[in-house]
N, C-alpha and C. Protein backbone atom coordinates (compact mmCIF):
# COMPACT_ATOMS: atom_id res chain seq x y z
N UNK A 1 10.26 13.59 106.80
CA UNK A 1 11.12 13.51 105.63
C UNK A 1 10.68 12.30 104.80
N UNK A 2 10.62 12.51 103.49
CA UNK A 2 10.18 11.45 102.59
C UNK A 2 11.29 10.43 102.40
N UNK A 3 10.87 9.19 102.25
CA UNK A 3 11.84 8.11 102.02
C UNK A 3 12.36 8.19 100.58
N UNK A 4 13.64 7.90 100.42
CA UNK A 4 14.25 7.87 99.10
C UNK A 4 14.11 6.45 98.57
N UNK A 5 13.41 6.32 97.45
CA UNK A 5 13.19 5.00 96.86
C UNK A 5 14.14 4.79 95.69
N UNK A 6 14.30 3.54 95.28
CA UNK A 6 15.13 3.29 94.10
C UNK A 6 14.64 4.03 92.86
N UNK A 7 13.32 4.22 92.74
CA UNK A 7 12.81 4.96 91.59
C UNK A 7 13.24 6.42 91.63
N UNK A 8 13.29 6.99 92.82
CA UNK A 8 13.76 8.36 92.96
C UNK A 8 15.23 8.46 92.56
N UNK A 9 16.03 7.51 93.00
CA UNK A 9 17.45 7.50 92.67
C UNK A 9 17.65 7.36 91.17
N UNK A 10 16.92 6.42 90.54
CA UNK A 10 17.04 6.24 89.09
C UNK A 10 16.57 7.47 88.33
N UNK A 11 15.50 8.09 88.81
CA UNK A 11 15.00 9.29 88.15
C UNK A 11 16.01 10.42 88.18
N UNK A 12 16.62 10.63 89.33
CA UNK A 12 17.63 11.67 89.47
C UNK A 12 18.84 11.34 88.59
N UNK A 13 19.25 10.07 88.59
CA UNK A 13 20.40 9.66 87.77
C UNK A 13 20.13 9.87 86.29
N UNK A 14 18.91 9.60 85.84
CA UNK A 14 18.58 9.78 84.42
C UNK A 14 18.57 11.26 84.05
N UNK A 15 18.06 12.10 84.93
CA UNK A 15 18.08 13.54 84.66
C UNK A 15 19.51 14.05 84.58
N UNK A 16 20.37 13.61 85.48
CA UNK A 16 21.78 14.01 85.44
C UNK A 16 22.47 13.49 84.18
N UNK A 17 22.11 12.28 83.75
CA UNK A 17 22.69 11.72 82.52
C UNK A 17 22.29 12.55 81.31
N UNK A 18 21.04 12.97 81.24
CA UNK A 18 20.59 13.79 80.12
C UNK A 18 21.34 15.12 80.11
N UNK A 19 21.51 15.71 81.28
CA UNK A 19 22.26 16.97 81.36
C UNK A 19 23.69 16.74 80.88
N UNK A 20 24.30 15.64 81.28
CA UNK A 20 25.65 15.33 80.84
C UNK A 20 25.74 15.09 79.35
N UNK A 21 24.71 14.47 78.76
CA UNK A 21 24.74 14.17 77.33
C UNK A 21 24.54 15.41 76.47
N UNK A 22 23.81 16.39 76.95
CA UNK A 22 23.56 17.58 76.13
C UNK A 22 24.56 18.70 76.40
N UNK A 23 25.42 18.52 77.39
CA UNK A 23 26.43 19.52 77.69
C UNK A 23 27.58 19.42 76.69
N UNK A 24 27.87 20.52 75.99
CA UNK A 24 28.96 20.46 75.01
C UNK A 24 30.33 20.38 75.70
N UNK A 25 31.23 19.69 75.07
CA UNK A 25 32.62 19.59 75.50
C UNK A 25 32.82 18.96 76.88
N UNK A 26 31.93 18.13 77.30
CA UNK A 26 32.11 17.42 78.57
C UNK A 26 32.34 15.95 78.24
N UNK A 27 33.47 15.65 77.62
CA UNK A 27 33.73 14.31 77.09
C UNK A 27 33.65 13.22 78.15
N UNK A 28 34.33 13.39 79.25
CA UNK A 28 34.35 12.36 80.28
C UNK A 28 32.96 12.16 80.90
N UNK A 29 32.24 13.24 81.08
CA UNK A 29 30.88 13.15 81.63
C UNK A 29 29.98 12.39 80.67
N UNK A 30 30.11 12.67 79.38
CA UNK A 30 29.30 11.96 78.38
C UNK A 30 29.60 10.47 78.39
N UNK A 31 30.86 10.11 78.50
CA UNK A 31 31.22 8.69 78.53
C UNK A 31 30.55 7.99 79.71
N UNK A 32 30.60 8.62 80.87
CA UNK A 32 29.97 8.03 82.05
C UNK A 32 28.45 8.01 81.93
N UNK A 33 27.89 9.05 81.33
CA UNK A 33 26.44 9.11 81.15
C UNK A 33 25.97 7.99 80.22
N UNK A 34 26.69 7.80 79.11
CA UNK A 34 26.34 6.71 78.20
C UNK A 34 26.44 5.36 78.91
N UNK A 35 27.49 5.16 79.67
CA UNK A 35 27.65 3.90 80.39
C UNK A 35 26.52 3.69 81.39
N UNK A 36 26.20 4.73 82.14
CA UNK A 36 25.13 4.62 83.13
C UNK A 36 23.78 4.31 82.52
N UNK A 37 23.45 5.01 81.43
CA UNK A 37 22.17 4.77 80.77
C UNK A 37 22.12 3.35 80.21
N UNK A 38 23.21 2.90 79.62
CA UNK A 38 23.25 1.52 79.11
C UNK A 38 23.03 0.52 80.24
N UNK A 39 23.70 0.70 81.37
CA UNK A 39 23.55 -0.23 82.48
C UNK A 39 22.13 -0.23 83.04
N UNK A 40 21.48 0.91 83.05
CA UNK A 40 20.09 0.97 83.52
C UNK A 40 19.20 0.11 82.62
N UNK A 41 19.32 0.31 81.31
CA UNK A 41 18.46 -0.44 80.39
C UNK A 41 18.82 -1.91 80.32
N UNK A 42 20.11 -2.23 80.32
CA UNK A 42 20.51 -3.64 80.31
C UNK A 42 20.06 -4.32 81.60
N UNK A 43 20.18 -3.62 82.72
CA UNK A 43 19.72 -4.17 84.00
C UNK A 43 18.23 -4.39 84.03
N UNK A 44 17.49 -3.48 83.42
CA UNK A 44 16.03 -3.64 83.35
C UNK A 44 15.66 -4.87 82.53
N UNK A 45 16.35 -5.06 81.41
CA UNK A 45 16.07 -6.23 80.58
C UNK A 45 16.40 -7.52 81.33
N UNK A 46 17.54 -7.54 82.01
CA UNK A 46 17.92 -8.72 82.80
C UNK A 46 16.94 -8.99 83.92
N UNK A 47 16.46 -7.94 84.56
CA UNK A 47 15.49 -8.10 85.64
C UNK A 47 14.18 -8.69 85.12
N UNK A 48 13.72 -8.19 83.98
CA UNK A 48 12.49 -8.74 83.40
C UNK A 48 12.69 -10.21 83.03
N UNK A 49 13.84 -10.53 82.47
CA UNK A 49 14.13 -11.92 82.11
C UNK A 49 14.18 -12.80 83.36
N UNK A 50 14.79 -12.30 84.43
CA UNK A 50 14.96 -13.09 85.65
C UNK A 50 13.63 -13.46 86.31
N UNK A 51 12.63 -12.60 86.18
CA UNK A 51 11.34 -12.91 86.80
C UNK A 51 10.40 -13.62 85.84
N UNK A 52 10.90 -13.95 84.65
CA UNK A 52 10.11 -14.75 83.72
C UNK A 52 9.19 -13.96 82.80
N UNK A 53 9.40 -12.66 82.69
CA UNK A 53 8.59 -11.87 81.77
C UNK A 53 8.91 -12.27 80.33
N UNK A 54 7.95 -12.05 79.48
CA UNK A 54 8.12 -12.41 78.08
C UNK A 54 8.85 -11.36 77.29
N UNK A 55 8.94 -11.63 75.99
CA UNK A 55 9.67 -10.75 75.08
C UNK A 55 9.03 -9.36 75.02
N UNK A 56 7.73 -9.27 75.28
CA UNK A 56 7.07 -7.97 75.25
C UNK A 56 7.60 -7.04 76.34
N UNK A 57 8.04 -7.58 77.45
CA UNK A 57 8.61 -6.76 78.54
C UNK A 57 10.12 -6.60 78.41
N UNK A 58 10.78 -7.56 77.81
CA UNK A 58 12.25 -7.53 77.69
C UNK A 58 12.68 -6.70 76.48
N UNK A 59 11.88 -6.68 75.46
CA UNK A 59 12.27 -6.06 74.19
C UNK A 59 12.53 -4.57 74.26
N UNK A 60 11.69 -3.83 74.97
CA UNK A 60 11.85 -2.38 74.99
C UNK A 60 13.13 -1.94 75.69
N UNK A 61 13.46 -2.48 76.89
CA UNK A 61 14.75 -2.08 77.48
C UNK A 61 15.94 -2.50 76.62
N UNK A 62 15.85 -3.65 75.96
CA UNK A 62 16.94 -4.06 75.07
C UNK A 62 17.07 -3.11 73.88
N UNK A 63 15.94 -2.66 73.36
CA UNK A 63 15.97 -1.72 72.24
C UNK A 63 16.62 -0.40 72.67
N UNK A 64 16.27 0.08 73.87
CA UNK A 64 16.86 1.32 74.36
C UNK A 64 18.35 1.13 74.64
N UNK A 65 18.74 -0.03 75.14
CA UNK A 65 20.16 -0.30 75.36
C UNK A 65 20.92 -0.30 74.03
N UNK A 66 20.31 -0.90 73.01
CA UNK A 66 20.94 -0.92 71.69
C UNK A 66 21.04 0.49 71.11
N UNK A 67 19.99 1.29 71.26
CA UNK A 67 20.03 2.67 70.78
C UNK A 67 21.11 3.47 71.51
N UNK A 68 21.29 3.20 72.79
CA UNK A 68 22.33 3.87 73.57
C UNK A 68 23.70 3.52 73.02
N UNK A 69 23.92 2.24 72.71
CA UNK A 69 25.20 1.82 72.14
C UNK A 69 25.45 2.47 70.78
N UNK A 70 24.43 2.52 69.94
CA UNK A 70 24.57 3.13 68.62
C UNK A 70 24.87 4.62 68.77
N UNK A 71 24.13 5.29 69.64
CA UNK A 71 24.35 6.72 69.86
C UNK A 71 25.75 6.99 70.38
N UNK A 72 26.20 6.17 71.31
CA UNK A 72 27.54 6.33 71.86
C UNK A 72 28.60 6.12 70.78
N UNK A 73 28.41 5.12 69.95
CA UNK A 73 29.38 4.85 68.88
C UNK A 73 29.41 6.00 67.87
N UNK A 74 28.25 6.53 67.52
CA UNK A 74 28.21 7.65 66.58
C UNK A 74 28.81 8.90 67.19
N UNK A 75 28.57 9.14 68.47
CA UNK A 75 29.16 10.30 69.14
C UNK A 75 30.68 10.17 69.17
N UNK A 76 31.17 8.99 69.50
CA UNK A 76 32.61 8.77 69.53
C UNK A 76 33.23 8.95 68.16
N UNK A 77 32.53 8.50 67.14
CA UNK A 77 33.03 8.62 65.78
C UNK A 77 33.06 10.09 65.34
N UNK A 78 32.00 10.82 65.68
CA UNK A 78 31.97 12.25 65.29
C UNK A 78 33.03 13.02 66.05
N UNK A 79 33.28 12.64 67.29
CA UNK A 79 34.32 13.30 68.08
C UNK A 79 35.69 13.02 67.46
N UNK A 80 35.89 11.78 67.01
CA UNK A 80 37.15 11.40 66.38
C UNK A 80 37.33 12.16 65.06
N UNK A 81 36.27 12.27 64.27
CA UNK A 81 36.32 13.00 63.00
C UNK A 81 36.62 14.48 63.23
N UNK A 82 36.04 15.07 64.26
CA UNK A 82 36.29 16.48 64.57
C UNK A 82 37.74 16.71 64.98
N UNK A 83 38.31 15.77 65.73
CA UNK A 83 39.71 15.88 66.12
C UNK A 83 40.64 15.73 64.93
N UNK A 84 40.27 14.91 63.97
CA UNK A 84 41.10 14.68 62.79
C UNK A 84 41.09 15.93 61.89
N UNK A 85 39.99 16.67 61.88
CA UNK A 85 39.90 17.88 61.05
C UNK A 85 40.71 19.03 61.61
N UNK A 86 40.90 19.05 62.93
CA UNK A 86 41.59 20.21 63.52
C UNK A 86 43.09 19.99 63.66
């Protein structure tokens, strides 16, 4: 039996998050998926910073974390607008 590595766990979690994000009408799942993806990227940036990596290694995870926050905010806003119309 193959050993389960942290990369395997993160890979599976990211695939599940994508499925949750593209599934329509799964509000609670989307909220958790956005949170999980943000924590992965923020954790990656913190890990790079902790080992002394430069801005070239820290910048990309921070950019993805910021994009996740923007996407989450826009999704929440569109959900709120849709509820107001109905």
